[in-house]
Amino acid sequence: MKIELLINNMTCNHCVRRVQNALEEAYPDTTVNVDLSKKIATLEGVGPFEELQLKTIIDDAGYDLVKMFVR
């Protein structure tokens, strides 16, 4: 499964690392990529997940989850 997260307030590479580290910590067996120019974090190979959990992870990292796309 592939999940794309549209995230507000990411402005620099420090933001990218912060979001990527938070998602990798929560989903260690998942490939995480964060694209600063598109403001999208992509999780590939993620198993069962809860939307609220992903929102909380992003919120706790200091950013806003705007929209989620499950593919």
PDB file of N, CA and C in Angstrom:
ATOM      1  N   MET A   1       0.837  -1.167   0.000  1.00  0.00           N
ATOM      2  CA  MET A   1       0.000   0.000   0.000  1.00  0.00           C
ATOM      3  C   MET A   1       0.889   1.240   0.000  1.00  0.00           C
ATOM      4  N   LYS A   2       0.406   2.279  -0.665  1.00  0.00           N
ATOM      5  CA  LYS A   2       1.138   3.541  -0.735  1.00  0.00           C
ATOM      6  C   LYS A   2       0.235   4.647  -0.196  1.00  0.00           C
ATOM      7  N   ILE A   3       0.801   5.474   0.680  1.00  0.00           N
ATOM      8  CA  ILE A   3       0.059   6.595   1.253  1.00  0.00           C
ATOM      9  C   ILE A   3       0.846   7.866   0.977  1.00  0.00           C
ATOM     10  N   GLU A   4       0.151   8.889   0.503  1.00  0.00           N
ATOM     11  CA  GLU A   4       0.757  10.195   0.306  1.00  0.00           C
ATOM     12  C   GLU A   4       0.093  11.175   1.269  1.00  0.00           C
ATOM     13  N   LEU A   5       0.922  11.939   1.968  1.00  0.00           N
ATOM     14  CA  LEU A   5       0.432  12.912   2.937  1.00  0.00           C
ATOM     15  C   LEU A   5       0.804  14.312   2.473  1.00  0.00           C
ATOM     16  N   LEU A   6      -0.184  15.158   2.297  1.00  0.00           N
ATOM     17  CA  LEU A   6       0.053  16.557   1.966  1.00  0.00           C
ATOM     18  C   LEU A   6       0.201  17.303   3.285  1.00  0.00           C
ATOM     19  N   ILE A   7       1.366  17.940   3.477  1.00  0.00           N
ATOM     20  CA  ILE A   7       1.717  18.516   4.780  1.00  0.00           C
ATOM     21  C   ILE A   7       2.030  20.000   4.628  1.00  0.00           C
ATOM     22  N   ASN A   8       1.376  20.817   5.436  1.00  0.00           N
ATOM     23  CA  ASN A   8       1.647  22.261   5.464  1.00  0.00           C
ATOM     24  C   ASN A   8       2.782  22.580   6.427  1.00  0.00           C
ATOM     25  N   ASN A   9       3.396  23.728   6.214  1.00  0.00           N
ATOM     26  CA  ASN A   9       4.402  24.321   7.104  1.00  0.00           C
ATOM     27  C   ASN A   9       5.797  23.733   6.968  1.00  0.00           C
ATOM     28  N   MET A  10       6.047  22.842   6.019  1.00  0.00           N
ATOM     29  CA  MET A  10       7.417  22.385   5.780  1.00  0.00           C
ATOM     30  C   MET A  10       8.098  23.427   4.899  1.00  0.00           C
ATOM     31  N   THR A  11       9.201  24.005   5.382  1.00  0.00           N
ATOM     32  CA  THR A  11       9.844  25.089   4.645  1.00  0.00           C
ATOM     33  C   THR A  11      11.315  24.844   4.326  1.00  0.00           C
ATOM     34  N   CYS A  12      11.914  23.800   4.924  1.00  0.00           N
ATOM     35  CA  CYS A  12      13.349  23.602   4.734  1.00  0.00           C
ATOM     36  C   CYS A  12      13.703  22.126   4.893  1.00  0.00           C
ATOM     37  N   ASN A  13      14.965  21.806   4.690  1.00  0.00           N
ATOM     38  CA  ASN A  13      15.422  20.418   4.821  1.00  0.00           C
ATOM     39  C   ASN A  13      15.349  19.917   6.255  1.00  0.00           C
ATOM     40  N   HIS A  14      15.456  20.816   7.224  1.00  0.00           N
ATOM     41  CA  HIS A  14      15.280  20.408   8.626  1.00  0.00           C
ATOM     42  C   HIS A  14      13.857  19.882   8.827  1.00  0.00           C
ATOM     43  N   CYS A  15      12.880  20.554   8.228  1.00  0.00           N
ATOM     44  CA  CYS A  15      11.485  20.114   8.301  1.00  0.00           C
ATOM     45  C   CYS A  15      11.330  18.723   7.683  1.00  0.00           C
ATOM     46  N   VAL A  16      11.971  18.525   6.545  1.00  0.00           N
ATOM     47  CA  VAL A  16      11.910  17.240   5.850  1.00  0.00           C
ATOM     48  C   VAL A  16      12.451  16.130   6.757  1.00  0.00           C
ATOM     49  N   ARG A  17      13.616  16.363   7.352  1.00  0.00           N
ATOM     50  CA  ARG A  17      14.212  15.352   8.235  1.00  0.00           C
ATOM     51  C   ARG A  17      13.322  15.068   9.448  1.00  0.00           C
ATOM     52  N   ARG A  18      12.742  16.108   9.990  1.00  0.00           N
ATOM     53  CA  ARG A  18      11.889  15.945  11.169  1.00  0.00           C
ATOM     54  C   ARG A  18      10.665  15.070  10.854  1.00  0.00           C
ATOM     55  N   VAL A  19      10.003  15.363   9.726  1.00  0.00           N
ATOM     56  CA  VAL A  19       8.841  14.576   9.309  1.00  0.00           C
ATOM     57  C   VAL A  19       9.262  13.150   8.965  1.00  0.00           C
ATOM     58  N   GLN A  20      10.346  13.016   8.205  1.00  0.00           N
ATOM     59  CA  GLN A  20      10.802  11.690   7.805  1.00  0.00           C
ATOM     60  C   GLN A  20      11.168  10.845   9.024  1.00  0.00           C
ATOM     61  N   ASN A  21      11.898  11.410   9.959  1.00  0.00           N
ATOM     62  CA  ASN A  21      12.283  10.663  11.171  1.00  0.00           C
ATOM     63  C   ASN A  21      11.062  10.236  11.977  1.00  0.00           C
ATOM     64  N   ALA A  22      10.081  11.118  12.103  1.00  0.00           N
ATOM     65  CA  ALA A  22       8.874  10.794  12.875  1.00  0.00           C
ATOM     66  C   ALA A  22       8.112   9.636  12.227  1.00  0.00           C
ATOM     67  N   LEU A  23       7.979   9.672  10.910  1.00  0.00           N
ATOM     68  CA  LEU A  23       7.256   8.606  10.208  1.00  0.00           C
ATOM     69  C   LEU A  23       8.046   7.296  10.226  1.00  0.00           C
ATOM     70  N   GLU A  24       9.364   7.368  10.055  1.00  0.00           N
ATOM     71  CA  GLU A  24      10.188   6.149  10.088  1.00  0.00           C
ATOM     72  C   GLU A  24      10.174   5.507  11.467  1.00  0.00           C
ATOM     73  N   GLU A  25      10.117   6.318  12.503  1.00  0.00           N
ATOM     74  CA  GLU A  25      10.059   5.778  13.861  1.00  0.00           C
ATOM     75  C   GLU A  25       8.739   5.039  14.090  1.00  0.00           C
ATOM     76  N   ALA A  26       7.653   5.587  13.581  1.00  0.00           N
ATOM     77  CA  ALA A  26       6.330   4.973  13.762  1.00  0.00           C
ATOM     78  C   ALA A  26       6.127   3.761  12.855  1.00  0.00           C
ATOM     79  N   TYR A  27       6.745   3.782  11.673  1.00  0.00           N
ATOM     80  CA  TYR A  27       6.588   2.717  10.680  1.00  0.00           C
ATOM     81  C   TYR A  27       7.969   2.258  10.208  1.00  0.00           C
ATOM     82  N   PRO A  28       8.704   1.521  11.050  1.00  0.00           N
ATOM     83  CA  PRO A  28      10.097   1.167  10.731  1.00  0.00           C
ATOM     84  C   PRO A  28      10.265   0.256   9.516  1.00  0.00           C
ATOM     85  N   ASP A  29       9.241  -0.479   9.128  1.00  0.00           N
ATOM     86  CA  ASP A  29       9.360  -1.393   7.991  1.00  0.00           C
ATOM     87  C   ASP A  29       8.823  -0.780   6.702  1.00  0.00           C
ATOM     88  N   THR A  30       8.652   0.537   6.695  1.00  0.00           N
ATOM     89  CA  THR A  30       8.061   1.259   5.575  1.00  0.00           C
ATOM     90  C   THR A  30       9.097   2.187   4.953  1.00  0.00           C
ATOM     91  N   THR A  31       9.057   2.328   3.625  1.00  0.00           N
ATOM     92  CA  THR A  31       9.914   3.293   2.942  1.00  0.00           C
ATOM     93  C   THR A  31       9.235   4.653   2.995  1.00  0.00           C
ATOM     94  N   VAL A  32       9.961   5.642   3.525  1.00  0.00           N
ATOM     95  CA  VAL A  32       9.416   6.995   3.666  1.00  0.00           C
ATOM     96  C   VAL A  32      10.257   7.962   2.837  1.00  0.00           C
ATOM     97  N   ASN A  33       9.592   8.748   2.003  1.00  0.00           N
ATOM     98  CA  ASN A  33      10.243   9.805   1.231  1.00  0.00           C
ATOM     99  C   ASN A  33       9.453  11.084   1.432  1.00  0.00           C
ATOM    100  N   VAL A  34      10.163  12.190   1.599  1.00  0.00           N
ATOM    101  CA  VAL A  34       9.508  13.478   1.780  1.00  0.00           C
ATOM    102  C   VAL A  34      10.014  14.423   0.698  1.00  0.00           C
ATOM    103  N   ASP A  35       9.075  15.007  -0.046  1.00  0.00           N
ATOM    104  CA  ASP A  35       9.386  15.940  -1.132  1.00  0.00           C
ATOM    105  C   ASP A  35       9.016  17.346  -0.667  1.00  0.00           C
ATOM    106  N   LEU A  36      10.024  18.154  -0.379  1.00  0.00           N
ATOM    107  CA  LEU A  36       9.795  19.502   0.130  1.00  0.00           C
ATOM    108  C   LEU A  36       9.083  20.382  -0.892  1.00  0.00           C
ATOM    109  N   SER A  37       9.450  20.293  -2.151  1.00  0.00           N
ATOM    110  CA  SER A  37       8.847  21.164  -3.168  1.00  0.00           C
ATOM    111  C   SER A  37       7.352  20.896  -3.340  1.00  0.00           C
ATOM    112  N   LYS A  38       6.946  19.646  -3.192  1.00  0.00           N
ATOM    113  CA  LYS A  38       5.528  19.289  -3.314  1.00  0.00           C
ATOM    114  C   LYS A  38       4.825  19.265  -1.960  1.00  0.00           C
ATOM    115  N   LYS A  39       5.619  19.297  -0.880  1.00  0.00           N
ATOM    116  CA  LYS A  39       5.101  19.219   0.488  1.00  0.00           C
ATOM    117  C   LYS A  39       4.326  17.908   0.714  1.00  0.00           C
ATOM    118  N   ILE A  40       4.899  16.826   0.159  1.00  0.00           N
ATOM    119  CA  ILE A  40       4.262  15.514   0.256  1.00  0.00           C
ATOM    120  C   ILE A  40       5.224  14.503   0.866  1.00  0.00           C
ATOM    121  N   ALA A  41       4.724  13.756   1.844  1.00  0.00           N
ATOM    122  CA  ALA A  41       5.450  12.614   2.397  1.00  0.00           C
ATOM    123  C   ALA A  41       4.793  11.360   1.837  1.00  0.00           C
ATOM    124  N   THR A  42       5.619  10.442   1.347  1.00  0.00           N
ATOM    125  CA  THR A  42       5.114   9.203   0.768  1.00  0.00           C
ATOM    126  C   THR A  42       5.589   8.027   1.604  1.00  0.00           C
ATOM    127  N   LEU A  43       4.660   7.170   1.976  1.00  0.00           N
ATOM    128  CA  LEU A  43       4.967   5.940   2.699  1.00  0.00           C
ATOM    129  C   LEU A  43       4.635   4.783   1.770  1.00  0.00           C
ATOM    130  N   GLU A  44       5.616   3.934   1.479  1.00  0.00           N
ATOM    131  CA  GLU A  44       5.393   2.785   0.613  1.00  0.00           C
ATOM    132  C   GLU A  44       5.625   1.505   1.398  1.00  0.00           C
ATOM    133  N   GLY A  45       4.718   0.553   1.187  1.00  0.00           N
ATOM    134  CA  GLY A  45       4.833  -0.719   1.875  1.00  0.00           C
ATOM    135  C   GLY A  45       4.228  -0.698   3.269  1.00  0.00           C
ATOM    136  N   VAL A  46       3.449   0.316   3.551  1.00  0.00           N
ATOM    137  CA  VAL A  46       2.830   0.417   4.870  1.00  0.00           C
ATOM    138  C   VAL A  46       1.671  -0.571   4.960  1.00  0.00           C
ATOM    139  N   GLY A  47       1.566  -1.211   6.105  1.00  0.00           N
ATOM    140  CA  GLY A  47       0.477  -2.147   6.347  1.00  0.00           C
ATOM    141  C   GLY A  47      -0.715  -1.412   6.940  1.00  0.00           C
ATOM    142  N   PRO A  48      -1.441  -2.061   7.795  1.00  0.00           N
ATOM    143  CA  PRO A  48      -2.595  -1.413   8.409  1.00  0.00           C
ATOM    144  C   PRO A  48      -2.182  -0.122   9.132  1.00  0.00           C
ATOM    145  N   PHE A  49      -3.010   0.879   9.021  1.00  0.00           N
ATOM    146  CA  PHE A  49      -2.710   2.156   9.658  1.00  0.00           C
ATOM    147  C   PHE A  49      -4.024   2.822  10.060  1.00  0.00           C
ATOM    148  N   GLU A  50      -3.921   3.804  10.929  1.00  0.00           N
ATOM    149  CA  GLU A  50      -5.074   4.594  11.313  1.00  0.00           C
ATOM    150  C   GLU A  50      -4.814   6.036  10.918  1.00  0.00           C
ATOM    151  N   GLU A  51      -5.786   6.653  10.269  1.00  0.00           N
ATOM    152  CA  GLU A  51      -5.637   8.031   9.810  1.00  0.00           C
ATOM    153  C   GLU A  51      -5.333   8.962  10.980  1.00  0.00           C
ATOM    154  N   LEU A  52      -6.002   8.753  12.104  1.00  0.00           N
ATOM    155  CA  LEU A  52      -5.775   9.603  13.274  1.00  0.00           C
ATOM    156  C   LEU A  52      -4.337   9.478  13.781  1.00  0.00           C
ATOM    157  N   GLN A  53      -3.778   8.272  13.715  1.00  0.00           N
ATOM    158  CA  GLN A  53      -2.395   8.076  14.153  1.00  0.00           C
ATOM    159  C   GLN A  53      -1.428   8.867  13.266  1.00  0.00           C
ATOM    160  N   LEU A  54      -1.643   8.828  11.953  1.00  0.00           N
ATOM    161  CA  LEU A  54      -0.777   9.591  11.047  1.00  0.00           C
ATOM    162  C   LEU A  54      -0.909  11.091  11.306  1.00  0.00           C
ATOM    163  N   LYS A  55      -2.135  11.551  11.532  1.00  0.00           N
ATOM    164  CA  LYS A  55      -2.345  12.973  11.820  1.00  0.00           C
ATOM    165  C   LYS A  55      -1.614  13.367  13.104  1.00  0.00           C
ATOM    166  N   THR A  56      -1.687  12.515  14.111  1.00  0.00           N
ATOM    167  CA  THR A  56      -1.014  12.787  15.384  1.00  0.00           C
ATOM    168  C   THR A  56       0.497  12.831  15.215  1.00  0.00           C
ATOM    169  N   ILE A  57       1.059  11.917  14.436  1.00  0.00           N
ATOM    170  CA  ILE A  57       2.505  11.896  14.193  1.00  0.00           C
ATOM    171  C   ILE A  57       2.951  13.212  13.548  1.00  0.00           C
ATOM    172  N   ILE A  58       2.227  13.651  12.529  1.00  0.00           N
ATOM    173  CA  ILE A  58       2.570  14.896  11.837  1.00  0.00           C
ATOM    174  C   ILE A  58       2.375  16.092  12.756  1.00  0.00           C
ATOM    175  N   ASP A  59       1.280  16.115  13.505  1.00  0.00           N
ATOM    176  CA  ASP A  59       1.029  17.208  14.457  1.00  0.00           C
ATOM    177  C   ASP A  59       2.133  17.279  15.507  1.00  0.00           C
ATOM    178  N   ASP A  60       2.502  16.132  16.050  1.00  0.00           N
ATOM    179  CA  ASP A  60       3.543  16.096  17.090  1.00  0.00           C
ATOM    180  C   ASP A  60       4.899  16.556  16.552  1.00  0.00           C
ATOM    181  N   ALA A  61       5.120  16.375  15.256  1.00  0.00           N
ATOM    182  CA  ALA A  61       6.367  16.838  14.637  1.00  0.00           C
ATOM    183  C   ALA A  61       6.335  18.350  14.398  1.00  0.00           C
ATOM    184  N   GLY A  62       5.145  18.953  14.540  1.00  0.00           N
ATOM    185  CA  GLY A  62       5.020  20.401  14.409  1.00  0.00           C
ATOM    186  C   GLY A  62       4.461  20.880  13.084  1.00  0.00           C
ATOM    187  N   TYR A  63       3.789  19.992  12.359  1.00  0.00           N
ATOM    188  CA  TYR A  63       3.278  20.329  11.034  1.00  0.00           C
ATOM    189  C   TYR A  63       1.804  19.975  10.941  1.00  0.00           C
ATOM    190  N   ASP A  64       1.180  20.363   9.840  1.00  0.00           N
ATOM    191  CA  ASP A  64      -0.254  20.132   9.654  1.00  0.00           C
ATOM    192  C   ASP A  64      -0.501  19.164   8.504  1.00  0.00           C
ATOM    193  N   LEU A  65      -1.188  18.072   8.799  1.00  0.00           N
ATOM    194  CA  LEU A  65      -1.597  17.138   7.758  1.00  0.00           C
ATOM    195  C   LEU A  65      -2.853  17.699   7.103  1.00  0.00           C
ATOM    196  N   VAL A  66      -2.736  18.034   5.815  1.00  0.00           N
ATOM    197  CA  VAL A  66      -3.840  18.661   5.091  1.00  0.00           C
ATOM    198  C   VAL A  66      -4.742  17.618   4.452  1.00  0.00           C
ATOM    199  N   LYS A  67      -4.131  16.638   3.805  1.00  0.00           N
ATOM    200  CA  LYS A  67      -4.886  15.637   3.073  1.00  0.00           C
ATOM    201  C   LYS A  67      -4.081  14.354   2.967  1.00  0.00           C
ATOM    202  N   MET A  68      -4.805  13.235   2.869  1.00  0.00           N
ATOM    203  CA  MET A  68      -4.163  11.933   2.744  1.00  0.00           C
ATOM    204  C   MET A  68      -4.726  11.225   1.521  1.00  0.00           C
ATOM    205  N   PHE A  69      -3.813  10.632   0.736  1.00  0.00           N
ATOM    206  CA  PHE A  69      -4.214   9.860  -0.434  1.00  0.00           C
ATOM    207  C   PHE A  69      -3.711   8.430  -0.241  1.00  0.00           C
ATOM    208  N   VAL A  70      -4.617   7.460  -0.321  1.00  0.00           N
ATOM    209  CA  VAL A  70      -4.252   6.047  -0.214  1.00  0.00           C
ATOM    210  C   VAL A  70      -4.349   5.444  -1.594  1.00  0.00           C
ATOM    211  N   ARG A  71      -3.260   4.834  -2.043  1.00  0.00           N
ATOM    212  CA  ARG A  71      -3.232   4.273  -3.402  1.00  0.00           C
ATOM    213  C   ARG A  71      -2.937   2.796  -3.370  1.00  0.00           C
TER     214      ARG A  71
END
